[in-house]
C-alpha atoms as a PDB file:
ATOM      1  CA  MET A   1     -19.664 -47.132  20.790  1.00  0.00           C
ATOM      2  CA  ALA A   2     -22.112 -48.299  23.467  1.00  0.00           C
ATOM      3  CA  LYS A   3     -25.121 -46.240  24.369  1.00  0.00           C
ATOM      4  CA  VAL A   4     -25.064 -45.061  27.956  1.00  0.00           C
ATOM      5  CA  VAL A   5     -28.401 -44.674  29.737  1.00  0.00           C
ATOM      6  CA  LYS A   6     -28.432 -42.754  32.969  1.00  0.00           C
ATOM      7  CA  SER A   7     -31.292 -43.633  35.228  1.00  0.00           C
ATOM      8  CA  ASP A   8     -32.048 -44.337  38.851  1.00  0.00           C
ATOM      9  CA  GLU A   9     -33.384 -47.709  37.721  1.00  0.00           C
ATOM     10  CA  PRO A  10     -30.707 -50.264  36.855  1.00  0.00           C
ATOM     11  CA  PHE A  11     -32.816 -51.582  33.973  1.00  0.00           C
ATOM     12  CA  PRO A  12     -35.315 -48.971  32.697  1.00  0.00           C
ATOM     13  CA  GLU A  13     -36.881 -51.379  30.180  1.00  0.00           C
ATOM     14  CA  ARG A  14     -37.816 -53.729  33.026  1.00  0.00           C
ATOM     15  CA  ALA A  15     -39.490 -50.907  34.925  1.00  0.00           C
ATOM     16  CA  GLU A  16     -41.499 -50.019  31.826  1.00  0.00           C
ATOM     17  CA  ALA A  17     -42.504 -53.660  31.340  1.00  0.00           C
ATOM     18  CA  ARG A  18     -43.644 -53.859  34.984  1.00  0.00           C
ATOM     19  CA  ARG A  19     -45.658 -50.647  34.605  1.00  0.00           C
ATOM     20  CA  ILE A  20     -47.347 -52.001  31.478  1.00  0.00           C
ATOM     21  CA  GLN A  21     -48.127 -55.274  33.255  1.00  0.00           C
ATOM     22  CA  LYS A  22     -49.598 -53.432  36.271  1.00  0.00           C
ATOM     23  CA  ASP A  23     -51.685 -51.232  33.975  1.00  0.00           C
ATOM     24  CA  LEU A  24     -53.024 -54.318  32.220  1.00  0.00           C
ATOM     25  CA  ILE A  25     -53.988 -55.912  35.548  1.00  0.00           C
ATOM     26  CA  ARG A  26     -55.660 -52.702  36.736  1.00  0.00           C
ATOM     27  CA  ASP A  27     -57.575 -52.394  33.471  1.00  0.00           C
ATOM     28  CA  THR A  28     -58.752 -56.011  33.680  1.00  0.00           C
ATOM     29  CA  MET A  29     -59.863 -55.602  37.300  1.00  0.00           C
ATOM     30  CA  ALA A  30     -61.731 -52.394  36.421  1.00  0.00           C
ATOM     31  CA  LYS A  31     -63.584 -54.157  33.612  1.00  0.00           C
ATOM     32  CA  ILE A  32     -64.456 -57.115  35.832  1.00  0.00           C
ATOM     33  CA  LEU A  33     -65.883 -54.810  38.513  1.00  0.00           C
ATOM     34  CA  ARG A  34     -67.889 -52.922  35.903  1.00  0.00           C
ATOM     35  CA  VAL A  35     -69.378 -56.179  34.597  1.00  0.00           C
ATOM     36  CA  VAL A  36     -70.229 -57.366  38.133  1.00  0.00           C
ATOM     37  CA  PHE A  37     -72.064 -54.132  38.928  1.00  0.00           C
ATOM     38  CA  LEU A  38     -73.783 -54.246  35.540  1.00  0.00           C
ATOM     39  CA  PHE A  39     -74.952 -57.775  36.383  1.00  0.00           C
ATOM     40  CA  PHE A  40     -76.371 -56.520  39.693  1.00  0.00           C
ATOM     41  CA  ALA A  41     -78.226 -53.729  37.899  1.00  0.00           C
ATOM     42  CA  VAL A  42     -79.660 -56.118  35.312  1.00  0.00           C
ATOM     43  CA  VAL A  43     -80.817 -58.554  38.008  1.00  0.00           C
ATOM     44  CA  LEU A  44     -82.565 -55.742  39.898  1.00  0.00           C
ATOM     45  CA  ALA A  45     -84.235 -54.408  36.747  1.00  0.00           C
ATOM     46  CA  LEU A  46     -85.295 -57.917  35.722  1.00  0.00           C
ATOM     47  CA  GLY A  47     -86.604 -58.554  39.244  1.00  0.00           C
ATOM     48  CA  ALA A  48     -88.674 -55.371  39.129  1.00  0.00           C
ATOM     49  CA  PHE A  49     -90.078 -56.455  35.765  1.00  0.00           C
ATOM     50  CA  LEU A  50     -90.950 -59.901  37.107  1.00  0.00           C
ATOM     51  CA  VAL A  51     -92.753 -58.378  40.089  1.00  0.00           C
ATOM     52  CA  ALA A  52     -94.662 -56.047  37.771  1.00  0.00           C
ATOM     53  CA  ALA A  53     -95.588 -58.936  35.473  1.00  0.00           C
ATOM     54  CA  HIS A  54     -96.507 -61.290  38.307  1.00  0.00           C
ATOM     55  CA  GLU A  55     -99.867 -62.218  36.773  1.00  0.00           C
ATOM     56  CA  ASN A  56     -98.257 -63.203  33.482  1.00  0.00           C
ATOM     57  CA  VAL A  57     -95.200 -64.967  34.913  1.00  0.00           C
ATOM     58  CA  SER A  58     -95.273 -68.211  36.884  1.00  0.00           C
ATOM     59  CA  GLN A  59     -93.963 -67.464  40.357  1.00  0.00           C
ATOM     60  CA  ASP A  60     -93.209 -71.194  40.777  1.00  0.00           C
ATOM     61  CA  ASN A  61     -90.564 -71.106  38.039  1.00  0.00           C
ATOM     62  CA  GLN A  62     -87.084 -71.739  39.471  1.00  0.00           C
ATOM     63  CA  LEU A  63     -85.479 -69.034  37.334  1.00  0.00           C
ATOM     64  CA  VAL A  64     -88.028 -66.454  38.505  1.00  0.00           C
ATOM     65  CA  LYS A  65     -87.430 -67.468  42.123  1.00  0.00           C
ATOM     66  CA  PHE A  66     -83.673 -67.245  41.608  1.00  0.00           C
ATOM     67  CA  VAL A  67     -83.826 -63.750  40.091  1.00  0.00           C
ATOM     68  CA  LEU A  68     -86.151 -62.483  42.834  1.00  0.00           C
ATOM     69  CA  ASP A  69     -83.979 -64.029  45.562  1.00  0.00           C
ATOM     70  CA  VAL A  70     -80.768 -62.536  44.167  1.00  0.00           C
ATOM     71  CA  ALA A  71     -82.435 -59.152  43.683  1.00  0.00           C
ATOM     72  CA  GLY A  72     -83.706 -59.296  47.254  1.00  0.00           C
ATOM     73  CA  ALA A  73     -80.213 -60.129  48.500  1.00  0.00           C
ATOM     74  CA  ILE A  74     -78.433 -57.245  46.729  1.00  0.00           C
ATOM     75  CA  ASP A  75     -81.047 -54.490  47.060  1.00  0.00           C
ATOM     76  CA  GLY A  76     -79.517 -52.980  50.220  1.00  0.00           C
ATOM     77  CA  PRO A  77     -81.414 -49.890  51.408  1.00  0.00           C
ATOM     78  CA  PHE A  78     -83.676 -50.113  48.336  1.00  0.00           C
ATOM     79  CA  SER A  79     -85.604 -53.131  49.597  1.00  0.00           C
ATOM     80  CA  ARG A  80     -89.086 -53.949  48.328  1.00  0.00           C
ATOM     81  CA  ASP A  81     -90.355 -54.479  51.854  1.00  0.00           C
ATOM     82  CA  ASN A  82     -88.506 -51.788  53.783  1.00  0.00           C
ATOM     83  CA  GLY A  83     -86.991 -49.530  51.156  1.00  0.00           C
ATOM     84  CA  ILE A  84     -86.603 -45.808  50.777  1.00  0.00           C
ATOM     85  CA  PHE A  85     -90.007 -45.502  49.158  1.00  0.00           C
ATOM     86  CA  ASP A  86     -93.026 -47.296  50.575  1.00  0.00           C
ATOM     87  CA  PHE A  87     -96.219 -47.331  48.517  1.00  0.00           C
ATOM     88  CA  HIS A  88     -99.630 -48.429  49.773  1.00  0.00           C
ATOM     89  CA  GLY A  89    -102.884 -49.268  48.094  1.00  0.00           C
ATOM     90  CA  THR A  90    -103.502 -50.814  44.729  1.00  0.00           C
ATOM     91  CA  ASN A  91    -100.329 -52.350  43.297  1.00  0.00           C
ATOM     92  CA  GLY A  92     -98.243 -50.971  46.158  1.00  0.00           C
ATOM     93  CA  ASP A  93     -95.898 -53.959  46.062  1.00  0.00           C
ATOM     94  CA  VAL A  94     -95.343 -53.495  42.326  1.00  0.00           C
ATOM     95  CA  LYS A  95     -94.602 -49.795  42.788  1.00  0.00           C
ATOM     96  CA  ASP A  96     -92.215 -50.609  45.637  1.00  0.00           C
ATOM     97  CA  ALA A  97     -90.279 -53.033  43.457  1.00  0.00           C
ATOM     98  CA  VAL A  98     -90.177 -50.830  40.374  1.00  0.00           C
ATOM     99  CA  VAL A  99     -89.141 -47.642  42.166  1.00  0.00           C
ATOM    100  CA  ASN A 100     -86.799 -49.053  44.821  1.00  0.00           C
ATOM    101  CA  TRP A 101     -85.140 -51.664  42.631  1.00  0.00           C
ATOM    102  CA  GLY A 102     -85.014 -49.240  39.703  1.00  0.00           C
ATOM    103  CA  ILE A 103     -83.129 -46.719  41.816  1.00  0.00           C
ATOM    104  CA  ALA A 104     -80.877 -49.485  43.156  1.00  0.00           C
ATOM    105  CA  ALA A 105     -80.088 -50.550  39.578  1.00  0.00           C
ATOM    106  CA  LEU A 106     -79.095 -46.978  38.695  1.00  0.00           C
ATOM    107  CA  VAL A 107     -76.958 -46.734  41.829  1.00  0.00           C
ATOM    108  CA  TYR A 108     -75.172 -49.978  40.938  1.00  0.00           C
ATOM    109  CA  LEU A 109     -74.507 -48.684  37.431  1.00  0.00           C
ATOM    110  CA  ALA A 110     -73.080 -45.442  38.832  1.00  0.00           C
ATOM    111  CA  ILE A 111     -70.904 -47.261  41.381  1.00  0.00           C
ATOM    112  CA  GLY A 112     -69.603 -49.624  38.702  1.00  0.00           C
ATOM    113  CA  ARG A 113     -68.705 -46.731  36.438  1.00  0.00           C
ATOM    114  CA  TYR A 114     -67.029 -44.849  39.276  1.00  0.00           C
ATOM    115  CA  LEU A 115     -64.954 -47.863  40.326  1.00  0.00           C
ATOM    116  CA  GLN A 116     -63.919 -48.505  36.743  1.00  0.00           C
ATOM    117  CA  ARG A 117     -62.694 -44.931  36.359  1.00  0.00           C
ATOM    118  CA  LEU A 118     -60.961 -45.115  39.736  1.00  0.00           C
ATOM    119  CA  LEU A 119     -59.108 -48.368  39.025  1.00  0.00           C
ATOM    120  CA  ALA A 120     -58.356 -48.106  35.322  1.00  0.00           C
ATOM    121  CA  PRO A 121     -54.926 -46.713  34.511  1.00  0.00           C
ATOM    122  CA  LYS A 122     -54.806 -43.174  33.265  1.00  0.00           C
ATOM    123  CA  SER A 123     -54.049 -42.733  29.574  1.00  0.00           C
ATOM    124  CA  SER A 124     -50.829 -40.940  28.939  1.00  0.00           C
END
């Protein structure tokens, strides 16, 4: 005797396979976004370190220039030059970089985590 399945879907196993495939894509996209935002946070933290260690690090090095340029491009409202916090006096530029880029790195980590939770499929 044949098993009769009553469903609104003509082929319920196909619907389940599509749902699994969509969940896999959503999970992959969530992980990719998390890694991208983690990369941004690491670049900002590394840039702040390089600014703080400017006397011990060659500023003519291409890798140092690259990290500082990328950090300057993604810092948003947490800029070293015109950021939320603006320090003056001795080592003001170092304090600007450490505080503003440090906060920006934390914000990027939080945004990455939030987007991952938003996009990732819910466990059932």
